[in-house]
Amino acid sequence: MAKKEVRVNAVNPADVPTKICRKVLKTEDDYEKYYETTGPMHLLHERNVTAREVANAVVFLASDRATMITGTRLNVDGGRVIAGQ
């Protein structure tokens, strides 16, 4: 795809706390417990990944600032992958 100036990248987001996740996790306690332990950055910032942060990564990869980035998987997960979660 490079010959056609097409870059191919992927954004791998963490679970973002949403109304749908609340339904899947059944109870408020399950929901809170799950999101309190979702990655190293949570411990630092005491919050989880937001939909805006995921969108910012997508916008960056689609922008002219990322013209030499291709074949990349960008984790927007607060460190969950490196923590083995």
PDB file of N, CA and C in Angstrom:
ATOM      1  N   MET A   1       0.819  -1.201   0.000  1.00  0.00           N
ATOM      2  CA  MET A   1       0.000   0.000   0.000  1.00  0.00           C
ATOM      3  C   MET A   1       0.864   1.266   0.000  1.00  0.00           C
ATOM      4  N   ALA A   2       2.127   1.128   0.375  1.00  0.00           N
ATOM      5  CA  ALA A   2       3.001   2.301   0.437  1.00  0.00           C
ATOM      6  C   ALA A   2       3.149   2.975  -0.928  1.00  0.00           C
ATOM      7  N   LYS A   3       3.166   2.186  -1.989  1.00  0.00           N
ATOM      8  CA  LYS A   3       3.296   2.770  -3.325  1.00  0.00           C
ATOM      9  C   LYS A   3       2.126   3.679  -3.658  1.00  0.00           C
ATOM     10  N   LYS A   4       1.008   3.446  -3.021  1.00  0.00           N
ATOM     11  CA  LYS A   4      -0.184   4.277  -3.233  1.00  0.00           C
ATOM     12  C   LYS A   4      -0.333   5.317  -2.129  1.00  0.00           C
ATOM     13  N   GLU A   5       0.730   5.475  -1.320  1.00  0.00           N
ATOM     14  CA  GLU A   5       0.755   6.426  -0.207  1.00  0.00           C
ATOM     15  C   GLU A   5      -0.327   6.158   0.828  1.00  0.00           C
ATOM     16  N   VAL A   6      -0.598   4.882   1.036  1.00  0.00           N
ATOM     17  CA  VAL A   6      -1.574   4.473   2.052  1.00  0.00           C
ATOM     18  C   VAL A   6      -0.808   3.896   3.234  1.00  0.00           C
ATOM     19  N   ARG A   7      -1.063   4.433   4.398  1.00  0.00           N
ATOM     20  CA  ARG A   7      -0.464   3.917   5.627  1.00  0.00           C
ATOM     21  C   ARG A   7      -1.485   3.030   6.319  1.00  0.00           C
ATOM     22  N   VAL A   8      -0.998   1.947   6.909  1.00  0.00           N
ATOM     23  CA  VAL A   8      -1.892   1.013   7.583  1.00  0.00           C
ATOM     24  C   VAL A   8      -1.438   0.884   9.030  1.00  0.00           C
ATOM     25  N   ASN A   9      -2.265   1.333   9.936  1.00  0.00           N
ATOM     26  CA  ASN A   9      -1.973   1.285  11.367  1.00  0.00           C
ATOM     27  C   ASN A   9      -3.217   0.823  12.108  1.00  0.00           C
ATOM     28  N   ALA A  10      -3.025   0.457  13.354  1.00  0.00           N
ATOM     29  CA  ALA A  10      -4.157   0.031  14.180  1.00  0.00           C
ATOM     30  C   ALA A  10      -4.057   0.681  15.550  1.00  0.00           C
ATOM     31  N   VAL A  11      -5.188   0.999  16.120  1.00  0.00           N
ATOM     32  CA  VAL A  11      -5.259   1.499  17.489  1.00  0.00           C
ATOM     33  C   VAL A  11      -5.928   0.412  18.318  1.00  0.00           C
ATOM     34  N   ASN A  12      -5.240  -0.015  19.365  1.00  0.00           N
ATOM     35  CA  ASN A  12      -5.754  -1.048  20.259  1.00  0.00           C
ATOM     36  C   ASN A  12      -6.142  -0.389  21.582  1.00  0.00           C
ATOM     37  N   PRO A  13      -7.401  -0.059  21.744  1.00  0.00           N
ATOM     38  CA  PRO A  13      -7.813   0.622  22.978  1.00  0.00           C
ATOM     39  C   PRO A  13      -8.076  -0.345  24.112  1.00  0.00           C
ATOM     40  N   ALA A  14      -7.959   0.164  25.309  1.00  0.00           N
ATOM     41  CA  ALA A  14      -8.412  -0.575  26.485  1.00  0.00           C
ATOM     42  C   ALA A  14      -9.930  -0.513  26.516  1.00  0.00           C
ATOM     43  N   ASP A  15     -10.510  -1.289  27.396  1.00  0.00           N
ATOM     44  CA  ASP A  15     -11.948  -1.149  27.618  1.00  0.00           C
ATOM     45  C   ASP A  15     -12.190   0.239  28.184  1.00  0.00           C
ATOM     46  N   VAL A  16     -13.061   0.965  27.564  1.00  0.00           N
ATOM     47  CA  VAL A  16     -13.411   2.307  28.030  1.00  0.00           C
ATOM     48  C   VAL A  16     -14.706   2.192  28.822  1.00  0.00           C
ATOM     49  N   PRO A  17     -14.726   2.683  30.064  1.00  0.00           N
ATOM     50  CA  PRO A  17     -15.951   2.581  30.866  1.00  0.00           C
ATOM     51  C   PRO A  17     -17.134   3.254  30.167  1.00  0.00           C
ATOM     52  N   THR A  18     -18.132   2.475  29.839  1.00  0.00           N
ATOM     53  CA  THR A  18     -19.321   2.971  29.158  1.00  0.00           C
ATOM     54  C   THR A  18     -20.566   2.326  29.755  1.00  0.00           C
ATOM     55  N   LYS A  19     -21.713   2.779  29.327  1.00  0.00           N
ATOM     56  CA  LYS A  19     -22.972   2.181  29.781  1.00  0.00           C
ATOM     57  C   LYS A  19     -23.056   0.718  29.381  1.00  0.00           C
ATOM     58  N   ILE A  20     -22.540   0.380  28.206  1.00  0.00           N
ATOM     59  CA  ILE A  20     -22.572  -1.012  27.751  1.00  0.00           C
ATOM     60  C   ILE A  20     -21.733  -1.887  28.679  1.00  0.00           C
ATOM     61  N   CYS A  21     -20.561  -1.409  29.079  1.00  0.00           N
ATOM     62  CA  CYS A  21     -19.721  -2.180  29.997  1.00  0.00           C
ATOM     63  C   CYS A  21     -20.430  -2.394  31.330  1.00  0.00           C
ATOM     64  N   ARG A  22     -21.147  -1.396  31.782  1.00  0.00           N
ATOM     65  CA  ARG A  22     -21.907  -1.551  33.036  1.00  0.00           C
ATOM     66  C   ARG A  22     -22.891  -2.705  32.927  1.00  0.00           C
ATOM     67  N   LYS A  23     -23.540  -2.844  31.780  1.00  0.00           N
ATOM     68  CA  LYS A  23     -24.505  -3.924  31.579  1.00  0.00           C
ATOM     69  C   LYS A  23     -23.813  -5.283  31.559  1.00  0.00           C
ATOM     70  N   VAL A  24     -22.670  -5.360  30.896  1.00  0.00           N
ATOM     71  CA  VAL A  24     -21.942  -6.627  30.780  1.00  0.00           C
ATOM     72  C   VAL A  24     -21.413  -7.079  32.136  1.00  0.00           C
ATOM     73  N   LEU A  25     -20.921  -6.143  32.939  1.00  0.00           N
ATOM     74  CA  LEU A  25     -20.334  -6.495  34.225  1.00  0.00           C
ATOM     75  C   LEU A  25     -21.378  -6.679  35.329  1.00  0.00           C
ATOM     76  N   LYS A  26     -22.623  -6.532  35.000  1.00  0.00           N
ATOM     77  CA  LYS A  26     -23.766  -6.852  35.859  1.00  0.00           C
ATOM     78  C   LYS A  26     -23.983  -5.918  37.042  1.00  0.00           C
ATOM     79  N   THR A  27     -23.031  -5.836  37.958  1.00  0.00           N
ATOM     80  CA  THR A  27     -23.272  -5.029  39.158  1.00  0.00           C
ATOM     81  C   THR A  27     -22.308  -3.853  39.217  1.00  0.00           C
ATOM     82  N   GLU A  28     -22.665  -2.855  39.965  1.00  0.00           N
ATOM     83  CA  GLU A  28     -21.810  -1.680  40.144  1.00  0.00           C
ATOM     84  C   GLU A  28     -20.487  -2.080  40.798  1.00  0.00           C
ATOM     85  N   ASP A  29     -20.528  -3.023  41.734  1.00  0.00           N
ATOM     86  CA  ASP A  29     -19.298  -3.481  42.389  1.00  0.00           C
ATOM     87  C   ASP A  29     -18.353  -4.151  41.397  1.00  0.00           C
ATOM     88  N   ASP A  30     -18.904  -4.995  40.505  1.00  0.00           N
ATOM     89  CA  ASP A  30     -18.081  -5.647  39.485  1.00  0.00           C
ATOM     90  C   ASP A  30     -17.440  -4.595  38.588  1.00  0.00           C
ATOM     91  N   TYR A  31     -18.233  -3.623  38.224  1.00  0.00           N
ATOM     92  CA  TYR A  31     -17.781  -2.548  37.332  1.00  0.00           C
ATOM     93  C   TYR A  31     -16.632  -1.775  37.979  1.00  0.00           C
ATOM     94  N   GLU A  32     -16.825  -1.336  39.199  1.00  0.00           N
ATOM     95  CA  GLU A  32     -15.796  -0.552  39.893  1.00  0.00           C
ATOM     96  C   GLU A  32     -14.537  -1.378  40.114  1.00  0.00           C
ATOM     97  N   LYS A  33     -14.678  -2.618  40.537  1.00  0.00           N
ATOM     98  CA  LYS A  33     -13.530  -3.484  40.798  1.00  0.00           C
ATOM     99  C   LYS A  33     -12.729  -3.712  39.513  1.00  0.00           C
ATOM    100  N   TYR A  34     -13.425  -3.955  38.415  1.00  0.00           N
ATOM    101  CA  TYR A  34     -12.764  -4.189  37.131  1.00  0.00           C
ATOM    102  C   TYR A  34     -11.954  -2.970  36.707  1.00  0.00           C
ATOM    103  N   TYR A  35     -12.560  -1.813  36.769  1.00  0.00           N
ATOM    104  CA  TYR A  35     -11.874  -0.616  36.291  1.00  0.00           C
ATOM    105  C   TYR A  35     -10.860  -0.055  37.278  1.00  0.00           C
ATOM    106  N   GLU A  36     -10.893  -0.499  38.523  1.00  0.00           N
ATOM    107  CA  GLU A  36      -9.875  -0.057  39.478  1.00  0.00           C
ATOM    108  C   GLU A  36      -8.562  -0.794  39.273  1.00  0.00           C
ATOM    109  N   THR A  37      -8.579  -1.857  38.502  1.00  0.00           N
ATOM    110  CA  THR A  37      -7.380  -2.676  38.346  1.00  0.00           C
ATOM    111  C   THR A  37      -7.012  -2.879  36.885  1.00  0.00           C
ATOM    112  N   THR A  38      -7.259  -1.889  36.041  1.00  0.00           N
ATOM    113  CA  THR A  38      -7.063  -2.109  34.615  1.00  0.00           C
ATOM    114  C   THR A  38      -5.737  -1.613  34.066  1.00  0.00           C
ATOM    115  N   GLY A  39      -4.781  -1.303  34.870  1.00  0.00           N
ATOM    116  CA  GLY A  39      -3.478  -0.965  34.320  1.00  0.00           C
ATOM    117  C   GLY A  39      -2.655  -0.043  35.187  1.00  0.00           C
ATOM    118  N   PRO A  40      -1.343  -0.025  34.921  1.00  0.00           N
ATOM    119  CA  PRO A  40      -0.418   0.785  35.709  1.00  0.00           C
ATOM    120  C   PRO A  40      -0.733   2.277  35.716  1.00  0.00           C
ATOM    121  N   MET A  41      -1.192   2.820  34.601  1.00  0.00           N
ATOM    122  CA  MET A  41      -1.481   4.255  34.564  1.00  0.00           C
ATOM    123  C   MET A  41      -2.671   4.596  35.454  1.00  0.00           C
ATOM    124  N   HIS A  42      -3.547   3.624  35.662  1.00  0.00           N
ATOM    125  CA  HIS A  42      -4.669   3.867  36.567  1.00  0.00           C
ATOM    126  C   HIS A  42      -4.145   4.177  37.968  1.00  0.00           C
ATOM    127  N   LEU A  43      -3.111   3.447  38.386  1.00  0.00           N
ATOM    128  CA  LEU A  43      -2.539   3.676  39.711  1.00  0.00           C
ATOM    129  C   LEU A  43      -1.975   5.085  39.843  1.00  0.00           C
ATOM    130  N   LEU A  44      -1.397   5.593  38.762  1.00  0.00           N
ATOM    131  CA  LEU A  44      -0.814   6.933  38.773  1.00  0.00           C
ATOM    132  C   LEU A  44      -1.882   8.023  38.710  1.00  0.00           C
ATOM    133  N   HIS A  45      -2.833   7.867  37.801  1.00  0.00           N
ATOM    134  CA  HIS A  45      -3.818   8.918  37.544  1.00  0.00           C
ATOM    135  C   HIS A  45      -5.170   8.684  38.217  1.00  0.00           C
ATOM    136  N   GLU A  46      -5.357   7.491  38.774  1.00  0.00           N
ATOM    137  CA  GLU A  46      -6.619   7.120  39.426  1.00  0.00           C
ATOM    138  C   GLU A  46      -7.817   7.299  38.504  1.00  0.00           C
ATOM    139  N   ARG A  47      -7.638   6.904  37.260  1.00  0.00           N
ATOM    140  CA  ARG A  47      -8.723   6.918  36.288  1.00  0.00           C
ATOM    141  C   ARG A  47      -8.364   5.961  35.170  1.00  0.00           C
ATOM    142  N   ASN A  48      -9.272   5.745  34.276  1.00  0.00           N
ATOM    143  CA  ASN A  48      -9.049   4.830  33.161  1.00  0.00           C
ATOM    144  C   ASN A  48      -8.977   5.582  31.847  1.00  0.00           C
ATOM    145  N   VAL A  49      -8.687   4.848  30.801  1.00  0.00           N
ATOM    146  CA  VAL A  49      -8.630   5.407  29.454  1.00  0.00           C
ATOM    147  C   VAL A  49     -10.002   5.962  29.081  1.00  0.00           C
ATOM    148  N   THR A  50      -9.991   7.114  28.438  1.00  0.00           N
ATOM    149  CA  THR A  50     -11.251   7.718  28.005  1.00  0.00           C
ATOM    150  C   THR A  50     -11.425   7.552  26.494  1.00  0.00           C
ATOM    151  N   ALA A  51     -12.644   7.675  26.052  1.00  0.00           N
ATOM    152  CA  ALA A  51     -12.925   7.611  24.621  1.00  0.00           C
ATOM    153  C   ALA A  51     -12.172   8.720  23.881  1.00  0.00           C
ATOM    154  N   ARG A  52     -12.030   9.867  24.496  1.00  0.00           N
ATOM    155  CA  ARG A  52     -11.300  10.986  23.875  1.00  0.00           C
ATOM    156  C   ARG A  52      -9.835  10.621  23.655  1.00  0.00           C
ATOM    157  N   GLU A  53      -9.225   9.927  24.604  1.00  0.00           N
ATOM    158  CA  GLU A  53      -7.824   9.536  24.454  1.00  0.00           C
ATOM    159  C   GLU A  53      -7.642   8.540  23.300  1.00  0.00           C
ATOM    160  N   VAL A  54      -8.592   7.645  23.151  1.00  0.00           N
ATOM    161  CA  VAL A  54      -8.552   6.706  22.025  1.00  0.00           C
ATOM    162  C   VAL A  54      -8.716   7.482  20.711  1.00  0.00           C
ATOM    163  N   ALA A  55      -9.672   8.391  20.687  1.00  0.00           N
ATOM    164  CA  ALA A  55      -9.900   9.204  19.485  1.00  0.00           C
ATOM    165  C   ALA A  55      -8.672  10.045  19.146  1.00  0.00           C
ATOM    166  N   ASN A  56      -7.994  10.579  20.149  1.00  0.00           N
ATOM    167  CA  ASN A  56      -6.786  11.374  19.894  1.00  0.00           C
ATOM    168  C   ASN A  56      -5.714  10.546  19.192  1.00  0.00           C
ATOM    169  N   ALA A  57      -5.585   9.285  19.566  1.00  0.00           N
ATOM    170  CA  ALA A  57      -4.608   8.410  18.918  1.00  0.00           C
ATOM    171  C   ALA A  57      -4.971   8.182  17.453  1.00  0.00           C
ATOM    172  N   VAL A  58      -6.249   7.984  17.189  1.00  0.00           N
ATOM    173  CA  VAL A  58      -6.713   7.788  15.816  1.00  0.00           C
ATOM    174  C   VAL A  58      -6.449   9.040  14.985  1.00  0.00           C
ATOM    175  N   VAL A  59      -6.779  10.196  15.538  1.00  0.00           N
ATOM    176  CA  VAL A  59      -6.567  11.468  14.828  1.00  0.00           C
ATOM    177  C   VAL A  59      -5.079  11.667  14.549  1.00  0.00           C
ATOM    178  N   PHE A  60      -4.235  11.364  15.525  1.00  0.00           N
ATOM    179  CA  PHE A  60      -2.792  11.500  15.320  1.00  0.00           C
ATOM    180  C   PHE A  60      -2.322  10.619  14.163  1.00  0.00           C
ATOM    181  N   LEU A  61      -2.691   9.339  14.172  1.00  0.00           N
ATOM    182  CA  LEU A  61      -2.228   8.434  13.126  1.00  0.00           C
ATOM    183  C   LEU A  61      -2.749   8.827  11.747  1.00  0.00           C
ATOM    184  N   ALA A  62      -3.896   9.479  11.698  1.00  0.00           N
ATOM    185  CA  ALA A  62      -4.459   9.924  10.416  1.00  0.00           C
ATOM    186  C   ALA A  62      -3.905  11.275   9.970  1.00  0.00           C
ATOM    187  N   SER A  63      -3.140  11.923  10.830  1.00  0.00           N
ATOM    188  CA  SER A  63      -2.666  13.279  10.539  1.00  0.00           C
ATOM    189  C   SER A  63      -1.348  13.295   9.783  1.00  0.00           C
ATOM    190  N   ASP A  64      -0.977  14.487   9.335  1.00  0.00           N
ATOM    191  CA  ASP A  64       0.306  14.689   8.659  1.00  0.00           C
ATOM    192  C   ASP A  64       1.490  14.538   9.617  1.00  0.00           C
ATOM    193  N   ARG A  65       1.234  14.536  10.906  1.00  0.00           N
ATOM    194  CA  ARG A  65       2.311  14.347  11.882  1.00  0.00           C
ATOM    195  C   ARG A  65       2.780  12.893  11.936  1.00  0.00           C
ATOM    196  N   ALA A  66       2.017  12.007  11.339  1.00  0.00           N
ATOM    197  CA  ALA A  66       2.352  10.587  11.381  1.00  0.00           C
ATOM    198  C   ALA A  66       2.641  10.037   9.983  1.00  0.00           C
ATOM    199  N   THR A  67       3.130  10.876   9.095  1.00  0.00           N
ATOM    200  CA  THR A  67       3.302  10.469   7.697  1.00  0.00           C
ATOM    201  C   THR A  67       4.302   9.338   7.503  1.00  0.00           C
ATOM    202  N   MET A  68       5.216   9.146   8.418  1.00  0.00           N
ATOM    203  CA  MET A  68       6.201   8.065   8.280  1.00  0.00           C
ATOM    204  C   MET A  68       5.895   6.894   9.225  1.00  0.00           C
ATOM    205  N   ILE A  69       4.704   6.857   9.761  1.00  0.00           N
ATOM    206  CA  ILE A  69       4.310   5.753  10.639  1.00  0.00           C
ATOM    207  C   ILE A  69       3.372   4.835   9.865  1.00  0.00           C
ATOM    208  N   THR A  70       3.791   3.585   9.719  1.00  0.00           N
ATOM    209  CA  THR A  70       2.940   2.590   9.072  1.00  0.00           C
ATOM    210  C   THR A  70       3.280   1.216   9.638  1.00  0.00           C
ATOM    211  N   GLY A  71       2.313   0.343   9.627  1.00  0.00           N
ATOM    212  CA  GLY A  71       2.522  -1.002  10.160  1.00  0.00           C
ATOM    213  C   GLY A  71       2.604  -1.027  11.669  1.00  0.00           C
ATOM    214  N   THR A  72       1.998  -0.060  12.311  1.00  0.00           N
ATOM    215  CA  THR A  72       2.091   0.081  13.761  1.00  0.00           C
ATOM    216  C   THR A  72       0.777  -0.262  14.443  1.00  0.00           C
ATOM    217  N   ARG A  73       0.900  -0.894  15.593  1.00  0.00           N
ATOM    218  CA  ARG A  73      -0.252  -1.104  16.478  1.00  0.00           C
ATOM    219  C   ARG A  73      -0.014  -0.241  17.707  1.00  0.00           C
ATOM    220  N   LEU A  74      -0.851   0.737  17.885  1.00  0.00           N
ATOM    221  CA  LEU A  74      -0.702   1.680  18.987  1.00  0.00           C
ATOM    222  C   LEU A  74      -1.662   1.304  20.112  1.00  0.00           C
ATOM    223  N   ASN A  75      -1.084   0.895  21.238  1.00  0.00           N
ATOM    224  CA  ASN A  75      -1.905   0.546  22.397  1.00  0.00           C
ATOM    225  C   ASN A  75      -2.261   1.801  23.169  1.00  0.00           C
ATOM    226  N   VAL A  76      -3.531   2.028  23.352  1.00  0.00           N
ATOM    227  CA  VAL A  76      -4.020   3.135  24.178  1.00  0.00           C
ATOM    228  C   VAL A  76      -4.767   2.456  25.324  1.00  0.00           C
ATOM    229  N   ASP A  77      -3.981   1.971  26.267  1.00  0.00           N
ATOM    230  CA  ASP A  77      -4.555   1.085  27.272  1.00  0.00           C
ATOM    231  C   ASP A  77      -4.047   1.332  28.687  1.00  0.00           C
ATOM    232  N   GLY A  78      -3.325   2.413  28.879  1.00  0.00           N
ATOM    233  CA  GLY A  78      -2.839   2.718  30.217  1.00  0.00           C
ATOM    234  C   GLY A  78      -1.833   1.716  30.737  1.00  0.00           C
ATOM    235  N   GLY A  79      -1.211   0.939  29.846  1.00  0.00           N
ATOM    236  CA  GLY A  79      -0.199  -0.020  30.256  1.00  0.00           C
ATOM    237  C   GLY A  79      -0.713  -1.416  30.532  1.00  0.00           C
ATOM    238  N   ARG A  80      -1.967  -1.687  30.200  1.00  0.00           N
ATOM    239  CA  ARG A  80      -2.529  -3.007  30.484  1.00  0.00           C
ATOM    240  C   ARG A  80      -1.756  -4.127  29.791  1.00  0.00           C
ATOM    241  N   VAL A  81      -1.345  -3.919  28.550  1.00  0.00           N
ATOM    242  CA  VAL A  81      -0.646  -4.972  27.812  1.00  0.00           C
ATOM    243  C   VAL A  81       0.673  -5.321  28.495  1.00  0.00           C
ATOM    244  N   ILE A  82       1.452  -4.302  28.859  1.00  0.00           N
ATOM    245  CA  ILE A  82       2.749  -4.592  29.485  1.00  0.00           C
ATOM    246  C   ILE A  82       2.591  -5.152  30.887  1.00  0.00           C
ATOM    247  N   ALA A  83       1.447  -4.913  31.506  1.00  0.00           N
ATOM    248  CA  ALA A  83       1.199  -5.453  32.846  1.00  0.00           C
ATOM    249  C   ALA A  83       0.588  -6.856  32.768  1.00  0.00           C
ATOM    250  N   GLY A  84       0.368  -7.339  31.548  1.00  0.00           N
ATOM    251  CA  GLY A  84      -0.180  -8.678  31.383  1.00  0.00           C
ATOM    252  C   GLY A  84      -1.654  -8.794  31.674  1.00  0.00           C
ATOM    253  N   GLN A  85      -2.385  -7.704  31.508  1.00  0.00           N
ATOM    254  CA  GLN A  85      -3.820  -7.725  31.816  1.00  0.00           C
ATOM    255  C   GLN A  85      -4.645  -7.830  30.574  1.00  0.00           C
TER     256      GLN A  85
END
